[in-house]
Amino acid sequence: MPPVFAHGRLRLYLLKLLDEAPRHGYEVIRLLEERFQGLYVPSAGTVYPRLAKLETEGLVTHATEGGRKVYSITDAGRAELADRVGELADLELEIRDSVSELAAEIRADVSGAAGDLRRELRAAASASATQVEGESWTAAKEEFRKAKAEWKEQARRAKDESRRAREEAQQARRQAKEAQERAREEVQRIAGQLQEQFAKSGGVLGSLAGAWLGGSGSPTAPSDPSGPSGPSAPSGPSARAAAPAAAPDTDWARDVPPTGDPARDLDRLLDRFRDDIRDAARDRGISEDQLARARNHLAEAAARIATALGPQG
């Protein structure tokens, strides 16, 4: 019989089971038995070492309840599931195929056993045909009839299980596609809200790098409520007029793939923002005056973003 799980697949399926609810090791084994309709039962030596490895990798954690370890998935484990949602759908289909294969093997074993029984009955009847009475022969035929009926029942059940497995696999694929679409729509909605907030705040994140170290090397100074006497206000006849803020780049960071977790997506956007600013400073250089202006821009950006992400009324 081929392996029930391909390499690395059991690890992914354990994360899925723990994402549904915290479970102890015996419960994980029982759920796997149920998913395979009793045709496959993993051993404790298969499940527990993999749970321990997942915990070492930081994907699951455990708490002791009633003397038993209860495993729970971590945020890192959920992130891996989100990144591998398509692979998880394929795994569900593989499990259904494995159930079908196991059912087919059982059906073949039952068929072979019935054939062996039939041959044994015929051999016994041939060897003792002159010695047995008619009643004994009738009993032998009745046993054969029962064995044949049992084989047919086993074959019918195996066929029904195979059909249910195919239907469940199709349903799992549809659900996975719907979940992907919902996650994509949610990320697009959140990205649209952030983009709208950035636009309302003057396009701070989209335009700060270009305004700070743009083509002329002169950053745009943020408005200072303290007036010309403030520490960052230009003074003297050589002071330069503040350049107008650059229009927000609506395609900024579109290549950052969404994860379905708004908090994690915001962290990725902030990482991209930091990298863009560092690249601009590295490629063009930065003076003390530009650093002071950049500090003012960042303070203004932080205040506006904190307001945008504050409690919603």
C-alpha atoms as a PDB file:
ATOM      1  CA  MET A   1       0.000   0.000   0.000  1.00  0.00           C
ATOM      2  CA  PRO A   2       1.452   3.446  -0.874  1.00  0.00           C
ATOM      3  CA  PRO A   3       2.035   5.966   1.945  1.00  0.00           C
ATOM      4  CA  VAL A   4      -1.178   7.629   3.154  1.00  0.00           C
ATOM      5  CA  PHE A   5       0.567  11.019   3.453  1.00  0.00           C
ATOM      6  CA  ALA A   6       3.254  12.249   1.072  1.00  0.00           C
ATOM      7  CA  HIS A   7       6.418  13.796   2.506  1.00  0.00           C
ATOM      8  CA  GLY A   8       5.568  16.826   4.659  1.00  0.00           C
ATOM      9  CA  ARG A   9       1.800  16.430   4.206  1.00  0.00           C
ATOM     10  CA  LEU A  10       1.074  15.037   7.693  1.00  0.00           C
ATOM     11  CA  ARG A  11       2.848  18.073   9.181  1.00  0.00           C
ATOM     12  CA  LEU A  12       0.530  20.417   7.241  1.00  0.00           C
ATOM     13  CA  TYR A  13      -2.589  18.440   8.197  1.00  0.00           C
ATOM     14  CA  LEU A  14      -1.655  18.496  11.893  1.00  0.00           C
ATOM     15  CA  LEU A  15      -1.541  22.311  11.669  1.00  0.00           C
ATOM     16  CA  LYS A  16      -5.023  22.262  10.083  1.00  0.00           C
ATOM     17  CA  LEU A  17      -6.456  20.106  12.904  1.00  0.00           C
ATOM     18  CA  LEU A  18      -4.931  22.355  15.577  1.00  0.00           C
ATOM     19  CA  ASP A  19      -6.216  25.446  13.756  1.00  0.00           C
ATOM     20  CA  GLU A  20      -9.744  24.047  14.178  1.00  0.00           C
ATOM     21  CA  ALA A  21      -9.316  23.744  17.975  1.00  0.00           C
ATOM     22  CA  PRO A  22      -6.662  22.940  20.618  1.00  0.00           C
ATOM     23  CA  ARG A  23      -6.273  19.160  20.931  1.00  0.00           C
ATOM     24  CA  HIS A  24      -4.232  16.567  22.805  1.00  0.00           C
ATOM     25  CA  GLY A  25      -2.276  13.912  20.947  1.00  0.00           C
ATOM     26  CA  TYR A  26      -4.810  11.102  21.383  1.00  0.00           C
ATOM     27  CA  GLU A  27      -7.586  13.348  20.035  1.00  0.00           C
ATOM     28  CA  VAL A  28      -5.456  14.121  16.958  1.00  0.00           C
ATOM     29  CA  ILE A  29      -5.009  10.375  16.343  1.00  0.00           C
ATOM     30  CA  ARG A  30      -8.768   9.777  16.739  1.00  0.00           C
ATOM     31  CA  LEU A  31      -9.633  12.617  14.318  1.00  0.00           C
ATOM     32  CA  LEU A  32      -7.261  11.230  11.699  1.00  0.00           C
ATOM     33  CA  GLU A  33      -8.948   7.830  12.101  1.00  0.00           C
ATOM     34  CA  GLU A  34     -12.354   9.481  11.562  1.00  0.00           C
ATOM     35  CA  ARG A  35     -11.143  11.420   8.494  1.00  0.00           C
ATOM     36  CA  PHE A  36     -10.033   8.106   6.991  1.00  0.00           C
ATOM     37  CA  GLN A  37     -13.363   6.453   7.969  1.00  0.00           C
ATOM     38  CA  GLY A  38     -11.560   3.932  10.160  1.00  0.00           C
ATOM     39  CA  LEU A  39      -9.458   2.615   7.267  1.00  0.00           C
ATOM     40  CA  TYR A  40      -6.211   4.162   8.586  1.00  0.00           C
ATOM     41  CA  VAL A  41      -5.120   4.808  12.184  1.00  0.00           C
ATOM     42  CA  PRO A  42      -1.746   6.590  12.690  1.00  0.00           C
ATOM     43  CA  SER A  43       0.408   5.351  15.530  1.00  0.00           C
ATOM     44  CA  ALA A  44       1.474   7.458  18.485  1.00  0.00           C
ATOM     45  CA  GLY A  45       5.038   7.083  17.231  1.00  0.00           C
ATOM     46  CA  THR A  46       3.957   8.856  14.028  1.00  0.00           C
ATOM     47  CA  VAL A  47       1.961  11.738  15.540  1.00  0.00           C
ATOM     48  CA  TYR A  48       3.746  12.747  18.768  1.00  0.00           C
ATOM     49  CA  PRO A  49       7.249  13.262  17.278  1.00  0.00           C
ATOM     50  CA  ARG A  50       5.756  15.523  14.578  1.00  0.00           C
ATOM     51  CA  LEU A  51       3.863  17.556  17.178  1.00  0.00           C
ATOM     52  CA  ALA A  52       7.111  17.978  19.122  1.00  0.00           C
ATOM     53  CA  LYS A  53       8.930  19.132  15.970  1.00  0.00           C
ATOM     54  CA  LEU A  54       6.170  21.645  15.163  1.00  0.00           C
ATOM     55  CA  GLU A  55       6.529  23.005  18.693  1.00  0.00           C
ATOM     56  CA  THR A  56      10.309  23.302  18.252  1.00  0.00           C
ATOM     57  CA  GLU A  57       9.708  25.315  15.062  1.00  0.00           C
ATOM     58  CA  GLY A  58       7.376  27.674  16.938  1.00  0.00           C
ATOM     59  CA  LEU A  59       4.305  26.670  14.910  1.00  0.00           C
ATOM     60  CA  VAL A  60       2.451  25.084  17.861  1.00  0.00           C
ATOM     61  CA  THR A  61       2.602  25.326  21.640  1.00  0.00           C
ATOM     62  CA  HIS A  62       1.202  23.192  24.447  1.00  0.00           C
ATOM     63  CA  ALA A  63      -0.308  23.499  27.882  1.00  0.00           C
ATOM     64  CA  THR A  64      -0.706  20.689  30.425  1.00  0.00           C
ATOM     65  CA  GLU A  65      -4.311  19.910  31.392  1.00  0.00           C
ATOM     66  CA  GLY A  66      -5.162  16.935  33.567  1.00  0.00           C
ATOM     67  CA  GLY A  67      -1.674  15.499  33.116  1.00  0.00           C
ATOM     68  CA  ARG A  68      -1.911  15.593  29.300  1.00  0.00           C
ATOM     69  CA  LYS A  69      -0.384  18.008  26.801  1.00  0.00           C
ATOM     70  CA  VAL A  70      -2.973  20.028  24.902  1.00  0.00           C
ATOM     71  CA  TYR A  71      -1.470  21.466  21.697  1.00  0.00           C
ATOM     72  CA  SER A  72      -2.540  24.805  20.176  1.00  0.00           C
ATOM     73  CA  ILE A  73      -1.492  26.493  16.940  1.00  0.00           C
ATOM     74  CA  THR A  74       0.529  29.724  17.154  1.00  0.00           C
ATOM     75  CA  ASP A  75       0.280  32.846  14.988  1.00  0.00           C
ATOM     76  CA  ALA A  76       3.279  31.570  13.021  1.00  0.00           C
ATOM     77  CA  GLY A  77       1.428  28.302  12.379  1.00  0.00           C
ATOM     78  CA  ARG A  78      -1.664  30.171  11.164  1.00  0.00           C
ATOM     79  CA  ALA A  79       0.532  32.271   8.871  1.00  0.00           C
ATOM     80  CA  GLU A  80       1.976  29.110   7.297  1.00  0.00           C
ATOM     81  CA  LEU A  81      -1.554  27.711   6.782  1.00  0.00           C
ATOM     82  CA  ALA A  82      -2.614  30.964   5.100  1.00  0.00           C
ATOM     83  CA  ASP A  83       0.428  30.832   2.794  1.00  0.00           C
ATOM     84  CA  ARG A  84      -0.298  27.181   1.881  1.00  0.00           C
ATOM     85  CA  VAL A  85      -4.102  27.269   1.527  1.00  0.00           C
ATOM     86  CA  GLY A  86      -3.927  25.947  -2.035  1.00  0.00           C
ATOM     87  CA  GLU A  87      -1.638  23.102  -0.971  1.00  0.00           C
ATOM     88  CA  LEU A  88      -4.069  22.290   1.842  1.00  0.00           C
ATOM     89  CA  ALA A  89      -6.908  21.909  -0.676  1.00  0.00           C
ATOM     90  CA  ASP A  90      -4.768  19.476  -2.678  1.00  0.00           C
ATOM     91  CA  LEU A  91      -4.041  17.580   0.541  1.00  0.00           C
ATOM     92  CA  GLU A  92      -7.780  17.166   1.230  1.00  0.00           C
ATOM     93  CA  LEU A  93      -8.141  15.687  -2.244  1.00  0.00           C
ATOM     94  CA  GLU A  94      -5.184  13.360  -1.613  1.00  0.00           C
ATOM     95  CA  ILE A  95      -6.807  12.147   1.601  1.00  0.00           C
ATOM     96  CA  ARG A  96     -10.031  11.345  -0.253  1.00  0.00           C
ATOM     97  CA  ASP A  97      -7.996   9.482  -2.883  1.00  0.00           C
ATOM     98  CA  SER A  98      -6.209   7.551  -0.130  1.00  0.00           C
ATOM     99  CA  VAL A  99      -9.571   6.545   1.362  1.00  0.00           C
ATOM    100  CA  SER A 100     -10.688   5.358  -2.063  1.00  0.00           C
ATOM    101  CA  GLU A 101      -7.490   3.330  -2.501  1.00  0.00           C
ATOM    102  CA  LEU A 102      -7.803   1.772   0.946  1.00  0.00           C
ATOM    103  CA  ALA A 103     -11.449   0.905   0.255  1.00  0.00           C
ATOM    104  CA  ALA A 104     -10.429  -0.674  -3.054  1.00  0.00           C
ATOM    105  CA  GLU A 105      -7.786  -2.771  -1.295  1.00  0.00           C
ATOM    106  CA  ILE A 106     -10.334  -3.951   1.262  1.00  0.00           C
ATOM    107  CA  ARG A 107     -12.716  -4.800  -1.547  1.00  0.00           C
ATOM    108  CA  ALA A 108      -9.945  -6.770  -3.277  1.00  0.00           C
ATOM    109  CA  ASP A 109      -9.067  -8.582  -0.043  1.00  0.00           C
ATOM    110  CA  VAL A 110     -12.702  -9.509   0.523  1.00  0.00           C
ATOM    111  CA  SER A 111     -13.030 -10.697  -3.062  1.00  0.00           C
ATOM    112  CA  GLY A 112      -9.868 -12.806  -2.714  1.00  0.00           C
ATOM    113  CA  ALA A 113     -11.068 -14.273   0.575  1.00  0.00           C
ATOM    114  CA  ALA A 114     -14.419 -15.173  -0.964  1.00  0.00           C
ATOM    115  CA  GLY A 115     -12.646 -16.852  -3.881  1.00  0.00           C
ATOM    116  CA  ASP A 116     -10.431 -18.828  -1.509  1.00  0.00           C
ATOM    117  CA  LEU A 117     -13.441 -19.914   0.500  1.00  0.00           C
ATOM    118  CA  ARG A 118     -15.242 -20.994  -2.630  1.00  0.00           C
ATOM    119  CA  ARG A 119     -12.251 -23.065  -3.764  1.00  0.00           C
ATOM    120  CA  GLU A 120     -11.903 -24.629  -0.322  1.00  0.00           C
ATOM    121  CA  LEU A 121     -15.575 -25.564  -0.255  1.00  0.00           C
ATOM    122  CA  ARG A 122     -15.350 -27.126  -3.686  1.00  0.00           C
ATOM    123  CA  ALA A 123     -12.215 -29.051  -2.728  1.00  0.00           C
ATOM    124  CA  ALA A 124     -13.823 -30.262   0.476  1.00  0.00           C
ATOM    125  CA  ALA A 125     -16.987 -31.266  -1.374  1.00  0.00           C
ATOM    126  CA  SER A 126     -14.977 -33.121  -4.009  1.00  0.00           C
ATOM    127  CA  ALA A 127     -12.909 -34.985  -1.405  1.00  0.00           C
ATOM    128  CA  SER A 128     -15.842 -36.050   0.732  1.00  0.00           C
ATOM    129  CA  ALA A 129     -18.656 -36.242  -1.823  1.00  0.00           C
ATOM    130  CA  THR A 130     -19.110 -39.968  -1.205  1.00  0.00           C
ATOM    131  CA  GLN A 131     -19.156 -39.605   2.585  1.00  0.00           C
ATOM    132  CA  VAL A 132     -21.306 -36.603   3.375  1.00  0.00           C
ATOM    133  CA  GLU A 133     -25.046 -36.752   3.637  1.00  0.00           C
ATOM    134  CA  GLY A 134     -27.375 -34.469   1.713  1.00  0.00           C
ATOM    135  CA  GLU A 135     -27.941 -32.376   4.833  1.00  0.00           C
ATOM    136  CA  SER A 136     -24.217 -31.711   5.266  1.00  0.00           C
ATOM    137  CA  TRP A 137     -23.919 -30.661   1.647  1.00  0.00           C
ATOM    138  CA  THR A 138     -26.875 -28.289   2.113  1.00  0.00           C
ATOM    139  CA  ALA A 139     -25.150 -26.769   5.154  1.00  0.00           C
ATOM    140  CA  ALA A 140     -21.950 -26.278   3.153  1.00  0.00           C
ATOM    141  CA  LYS A 141     -23.873 -24.499   0.387  1.00  0.00           C
ATOM    142  CA  GLU A 142     -25.565 -22.312   2.994  1.00  0.00           C
ATOM    143  CA  GLU A 143     -22.189 -21.274   4.392  1.00  0.00           C
ATOM    144  CA  PHE A 144     -21.017 -20.416   0.919  1.00  0.00           C
ATOM    145  CA  ARG A 145     -24.162 -18.389   0.297  1.00  0.00           C
ATOM    146  CA  LYS A 146     -23.591 -16.417   3.496  1.00  0.00           C
ATOM    147  CA  ALA A 147     -19.965 -15.795   2.588  1.00  0.00           C
ATOM    148  CA  LYS A 148     -20.987 -14.558  -0.865  1.00  0.00           C
ATOM    149  CA  ALA A 149     -23.626 -12.238   0.640  1.00  0.00           C
ATOM    150  CA  GLU A 150     -21.054 -10.859   3.079  1.00  0.00           C
ATOM    151  CA  TRP A 151     -18.626 -10.198   0.228  1.00  0.00           C
ATOM    152  CA  LYS A 152     -21.307  -8.335  -1.728  1.00  0.00           C
ATOM    153  CA  GLU A 153     -22.129  -6.216   1.322  1.00  0.00           C
ATOM    154  CA  GLN A 154     -18.447  -5.363   1.819  1.00  0.00           C
ATOM    155  CA  ALA A 155     -18.114  -4.440  -1.846  1.00  0.00           C
ATOM    156  CA  ARG A 156     -21.216  -2.222  -1.660  1.00  0.00           C
ATOM    157  CA  ARG A 157     -19.917  -0.413   1.409  1.00  0.00           C
ATOM    158  CA  ALA A 158     -16.525   0.112  -0.197  1.00  0.00           C
ATOM    159  CA  LYS A 159     -18.206   1.563  -3.286  1.00  0.00           C
ATOM    160  CA  ASP A 160     -20.331   3.916  -1.156  1.00  0.00           C
ATOM    161  CA  GLU A 161     -17.253   5.088   0.764  1.00  0.00           C
ATOM    162  CA  SER A 162     -15.393   5.755  -2.468  1.00  0.00           C
ATOM    163  CA  ARG A 163     -18.310   7.816  -3.818  1.00  0.00           C
ATOM    164  CA  ARG A 164     -18.549   9.844  -0.594  1.00  0.00           C
ATOM    165  CA  ALA A 165     -14.808  10.445  -0.682  1.00  0.00           C
ATOM    166  CA  ARG A 166     -15.022  11.889  -4.213  1.00  0.00           C
ATOM    167  CA  GLU A 167     -17.943  14.141  -3.239  1.00  0.00           C
ATOM    168  CA  GLU A 168     -16.149  15.388  -0.112  1.00  0.00           C
ATOM    169  CA  ALA A 169     -12.996  16.084  -2.125  1.00  0.00           C
ATOM    170  CA  GLN A 170     -14.949  18.202  -4.605  1.00  0.00           C
ATOM    171  CA  GLN A 171     -16.636  20.084  -1.754  1.00  0.00           C
ATOM    172  CA  ALA A 172     -13.273  20.677  -0.043  1.00  0.00           C
ATOM    173  CA  ARG A 173     -11.811  22.126  -3.251  1.00  0.00           C
ATOM    174  CA  ARG A 174     -14.794  24.455  -3.657  1.00  0.00           C
ATOM    175  CA  GLN A 175     -14.528  25.604  -0.049  1.00  0.00           C
ATOM    176  CA  ALA A 176     -10.802  26.241  -0.429  1.00  0.00           C
ATOM    177  CA  LYS A 177     -11.389  28.376  -3.525  1.00  0.00           C
ATOM    178  CA  GLU A 178     -14.147  30.320  -1.751  1.00  0.00           C
ATOM    179  CA  ALA A 179     -11.855  30.879   1.254  1.00  0.00           C
ATOM    180  CA  GLN A 180      -9.091  32.155  -1.035  1.00  0.00           C
ATOM    181  CA  GLU A 181     -11.489  34.539  -2.740  1.00  0.00           C
ATOM    182  CA  ARG A 182     -12.830  35.835   0.586  1.00  0.00           C
ATOM    183  CA  ALA A 183      -9.297  36.351   1.893  1.00  0.00           C
ATOM    184  CA  ARG A 184      -8.326  38.211  -1.291  1.00  0.00           C
ATOM    185  CA  GLU A 185     -11.389  40.465  -1.070  1.00  0.00           C
ATOM    186  CA  GLU A 186     -10.740  41.210   2.618  1.00  0.00           C
ATOM    187  CA  VAL A 187      -7.113  42.147   1.943  1.00  0.00           C
ATOM    188  CA  GLN A 188      -8.146  44.365  -0.958  1.00  0.00           C
ATOM    189  CA  ARG A 189     -10.759  46.053   1.271  1.00  0.00           C
ATOM    190  CA  ILE A 190      -8.233  46.708   4.029  1.00  0.00           C
ATOM    191  CA  ALA A 191      -5.645  47.924   1.526  1.00  0.00           C
ATOM    192  CA  GLY A 192      -8.247  50.283   0.075  1.00  0.00           C
ATOM    193  CA  GLN A 193      -9.017  51.670   3.545  1.00  0.00           C
ATOM    194  CA  LEU A 194      -5.319  52.224   4.258  1.00  0.00           C
ATOM    195  CA  GLN A 195      -4.847  53.861   0.849  1.00  0.00           C
ATOM    196  CA  GLU A 196      -7.797  56.164   1.533  1.00  0.00           C
ATOM    197  CA  GLN A 197      -6.394  57.102   4.942  1.00  0.00           C
ATOM    198  CA  PHE A 198      -2.977  57.760   3.400  1.00  0.00           C
ATOM    199  CA  ALA A 199      -4.561  59.941   0.719  1.00  0.00           C
ATOM    200  CA  LYS A 200      -6.487  61.915   3.363  1.00  0.00           C
ATOM    201  CA  SER A 201      -3.250  62.495   5.269  1.00  0.00           C
ATOM    202  CA  GLY A 202      -1.585  63.982   2.219  1.00  0.00           C
ATOM    203  CA  GLY A 203      -0.156  60.760   0.804  1.00  0.00           C
ATOM    204  CA  VAL A 204       2.502  60.607   3.523  1.00  0.00           C
ATOM    205  CA  LEU A 205       3.703  57.047   2.944  1.00  0.00           C
ATOM    206  CA  GLY A 206       3.347  57.151  -0.848  1.00  0.00           C
ATOM    207  CA  SER A 207       5.246  60.416  -1.378  1.00  0.00           C
ATOM    208  CA  LEU A 208       7.623  60.868   1.556  1.00  0.00           C
ATOM    209  CA  ALA A 209      10.621  59.227  -0.103  1.00  0.00           C
ATOM    210  CA  GLY A 210      10.287  61.310  -3.269  1.00  0.00           C
ATOM    211  CA  ALA A 211       9.711  64.519  -1.304  1.00  0.00           C
ATOM    212  CA  TRP A 212      12.648  63.867   1.011  1.00  0.00           C
ATOM    213  CA  LEU A 213      15.365  62.990  -1.495  1.00  0.00           C
ATOM    214  CA  GLY A 214      13.707  63.811  -4.802  1.00  0.00           C
ATOM    215  CA  GLY A 215      15.239  64.902  -8.067  1.00  0.00           C
ATOM    216  CA  SER A 216      16.292  68.319  -6.723  1.00  0.00           C
ATOM    217  CA  GLY A 217      17.597  66.869  -3.439  1.00  0.00           C
ATOM    218  CA  SER A 218      15.313  69.277  -1.513  1.00  0.00           C
ATOM    219  CA  PRO A 219      12.740  67.640   0.784  1.00  0.00           C
ATOM    220  CA  THR A 220       9.329  69.092   1.453  1.00  0.00           C
ATOM    221  CA  ALA A 221       9.207  70.570   4.934  1.00  0.00           C
ATOM    222  CA  PRO A 222       6.050  69.683   6.935  1.00  0.00           C
ATOM    223  CA  SER A 223       3.852  72.464   8.253  1.00  0.00           C
ATOM    224  CA  ASP A 224       5.083  73.693  11.636  1.00  0.00           C
ATOM    225  CA  PRO A 225       2.350  75.116  13.916  1.00  0.00           C
ATOM    226  CA  SER A 226       4.984  77.102  15.807  1.00  0.00           C
ATOM    227  CA  GLY A 227       5.588  79.348  12.749  1.00  0.00           C
ATOM    228  CA  PRO A 228       8.919  80.614  11.394  1.00  0.00           C
ATOM    229  CA  SER A 229      10.416  80.695  14.875  1.00  0.00           C
ATOM    230  CA  GLY A 230      10.225  76.898  15.202  1.00  0.00           C
ATOM    231  CA  PRO A 231      13.442  74.880  15.208  1.00  0.00           C
ATOM    232  CA  SER A 232      12.960  73.491  11.693  1.00  0.00           C
ATOM    233  CA  ALA A 233      11.732  76.672   9.977  1.00  0.00           C
ATOM    234  CA  PRO A 234      14.120  78.193   7.392  1.00  0.00           C
ATOM    235  CA  SER A 235      15.465  81.662   8.157  1.00  0.00           C
ATOM    236  CA  GLY A 236      17.509  84.323   6.393  1.00  0.00           C
ATOM    237  CA  PRO A 237      17.491  85.494   2.798  1.00  0.00           C
ATOM    238  CA  SER A 238      18.879  82.181   1.588  1.00  0.00           C
ATOM    239  CA  ALA A 239      15.917  80.178   2.931  1.00  0.00           C
ATOM    240  CA  ARG A 240      14.208  78.105   0.242  1.00  0.00           C
ATOM    241  CA  ALA A 241      10.456  77.910  -0.260  1.00  0.00           C
ATOM    242  CA  ALA A 242       8.878  74.561   0.678  1.00  0.00           C
ATOM    243  CA  ALA A 243       8.209  72.401  -2.369  1.00  0.00           C
ATOM    244  CA  PRO A 244       4.634  71.184  -2.888  1.00  0.00           C
ATOM    245  CA  ALA A 245       3.927  67.648  -1.615  1.00  0.00           C
ATOM    246  CA  ALA A 246       4.234  64.968  -4.279  1.00  0.00           C
ATOM    247  CA  ALA A 247       1.014  63.256  -5.374  1.00  0.00           C
ATOM    248  CA  PRO A 248       0.484  59.916  -3.586  1.00  0.00           C
ATOM    249  CA  ASP A 249       1.610  56.864  -5.555  1.00  0.00           C
ATOM    250  CA  THR A 250      -1.526  54.710  -5.748  1.00  0.00           C
ATOM    251  CA  ASP A 251       0.508  51.692  -6.944  1.00  0.00           C
ATOM    252  CA  TRP A 252       2.984  51.855  -4.058  1.00  0.00           C
ATOM    253  CA  ALA A 253       3.709  48.422  -2.478  1.00  0.00           C
ATOM    254  CA  ARG A 254       1.113  46.684  -4.691  1.00  0.00           C
ATOM    255  CA  ASP A 255       3.636  43.864  -5.143  1.00  0.00           C
ATOM    256  CA  VAL A 256       3.571  43.028  -1.413  1.00  0.00           C
ATOM    257  CA  PRO A 257       1.438  39.857  -1.301  1.00  0.00           C
ATOM    258  CA  PRO A 258      -1.468  39.940   1.170  1.00  0.00           C
ATOM    259  CA  THR A 259      -1.687  37.308   3.923  1.00  0.00           C
ATOM    260  CA  GLY A 260      -5.299  37.768   5.056  1.00  0.00           C
ATOM    261  CA  ASP A 261      -4.151  39.161   8.429  1.00  0.00           C
ATOM    262  CA  PRO A 262      -4.537  43.011   8.467  1.00  0.00           C
ATOM    263  CA  ALA A 263      -2.001  43.464  11.294  1.00  0.00           C
ATOM    264  CA  ARG A 264       0.600  41.391   9.501  1.00  0.00           C
ATOM    265  CA  ASP A 265      -0.079  43.173   6.190  1.00  0.00           C
ATOM    266  CA  LEU A 266       0.441  46.548   7.913  1.00  0.00           C
ATOM    267  CA  ASP A 267       3.807  45.310   9.275  1.00  0.00           C
ATOM    268  CA  ARG A 268       4.833  44.387   5.732  1.00  0.00           C
ATOM    269  CA  LEU A 269       3.830  47.812   4.414  1.00  0.00           C
ATOM    270  CA  LEU A 270       5.880  49.498   7.146  1.00  0.00           C
ATOM    271  CA  ASP A 271       8.854  47.261   6.275  1.00  0.00           C
ATOM    272  CA  ARG A 272       8.555  48.277   2.620  1.00  0.00           C
ATOM    273  CA  PHE A 273       8.284  51.966   3.614  1.00  0.00           C
ATOM    274  CA  ARG A 274      11.447  51.707   5.727  1.00  0.00           C
ATOM    275  CA  ASP A 275      13.359  49.936   2.932  1.00  0.00           C
ATOM    276  CA  ASP A 276      12.341  52.561   0.357  1.00  0.00           C
ATOM    277  CA  ILE A 277      13.604  55.389   2.600  1.00  0.00           C
ATOM    278  CA  ARG A 278      16.872  53.580   3.339  1.00  0.00           C
ATOM    279  CA  ASP A 279      17.453  52.877  -0.361  1.00  0.00           C
ATOM    280  CA  ALA A 280      16.882  56.530  -1.213  1.00  0.00           C
ATOM    281  CA  ALA A 281      19.335  57.672   1.484  1.00  0.00           C
ATOM    282  CA  ARG A 282      21.945  55.116   0.446  1.00  0.00           C
ATOM    283  CA  ASP A 283      21.739  55.901  -3.269  1.00  0.00           C
ATOM    284  CA  ARG A 284      21.674  59.716  -2.988  1.00  0.00           C
ATOM    285  CA  GLY A 285      23.317  60.466   0.340  1.00  0.00           C
ATOM    286  CA  ILE A 286      21.895  62.547   3.174  1.00  0.00           C
ATOM    287  CA  SER A 287      23.004  65.751   4.871  1.00  0.00           C
ATOM    288  CA  GLU A 288      22.329  67.033   8.382  1.00  0.00           C
ATOM    289  CA  ASP A 289      19.748  69.456   6.986  1.00  0.00           C
ATOM    290  CA  GLN A 290      17.973  66.661   5.107  1.00  0.00           C
ATOM    291  CA  LEU A 291      18.000  64.482   8.225  1.00  0.00           C
ATOM    292  CA  ALA A 292      16.297  67.233  10.233  1.00  0.00           C
ATOM    293  CA  ARG A 293      13.653  67.689   7.544  1.00  0.00           C
ATOM    294  CA  ALA A 294      13.134  63.930   7.285  1.00  0.00           C
ATOM    295  CA  ARG A 295      12.580  63.737  11.059  1.00  0.00           C
ATOM    296  CA  ASN A 296       9.783  66.310  10.765  1.00  0.00           C
ATOM    297  CA  HIS A 297       8.187  64.366   7.898  1.00  0.00           C
ATOM    298  CA  LEU A 298       8.312  61.113   9.855  1.00  0.00           C
ATOM    299  CA  ALA A 299       6.807  62.739  12.953  1.00  0.00           C
ATOM    300  CA  GLU A 300       3.941  64.120  10.867  1.00  0.00           C
ATOM    301  CA  ALA A 301       3.443  60.754   9.142  1.00  0.00           C
ATOM    302  CA  ALA A 302       3.402  58.875  12.455  1.00  0.00           C
ATOM    303  CA  ALA A 303       0.805  61.253  13.927  1.00  0.00           C
ATOM    304  CA  ARG A 304      -1.480  60.996  10.909  1.00  0.00           C
ATOM    305  CA  ILE A 305      -1.249  57.217  10.652  1.00  0.00           C
ATOM    306  CA  ALA A 306      -1.879  56.817  14.401  1.00  0.00           C
ATOM    307  CA  THR A 307      -4.997  58.962  14.001  1.00  0.00           C
ATOM    308  CA  ALA A 308      -6.127  56.946  10.975  1.00  0.00           C
ATOM    309  CA  LEU A 309      -5.684  53.646  12.848  1.00  0.00           C
ATOM    310  CA  GLY A 310      -7.297  54.911  16.057  1.00  0.00           C
ATOM    311  CA  PRO A 311     -10.648  53.689  17.441  1.00  0.00           C
ATOM    312  CA  GLN A 312     -13.442  53.895  14.907  1.00  0.00           C
ATOM    313  CA  GLY A 313     -16.619  55.642  15.980  1.00  0.00           C
END
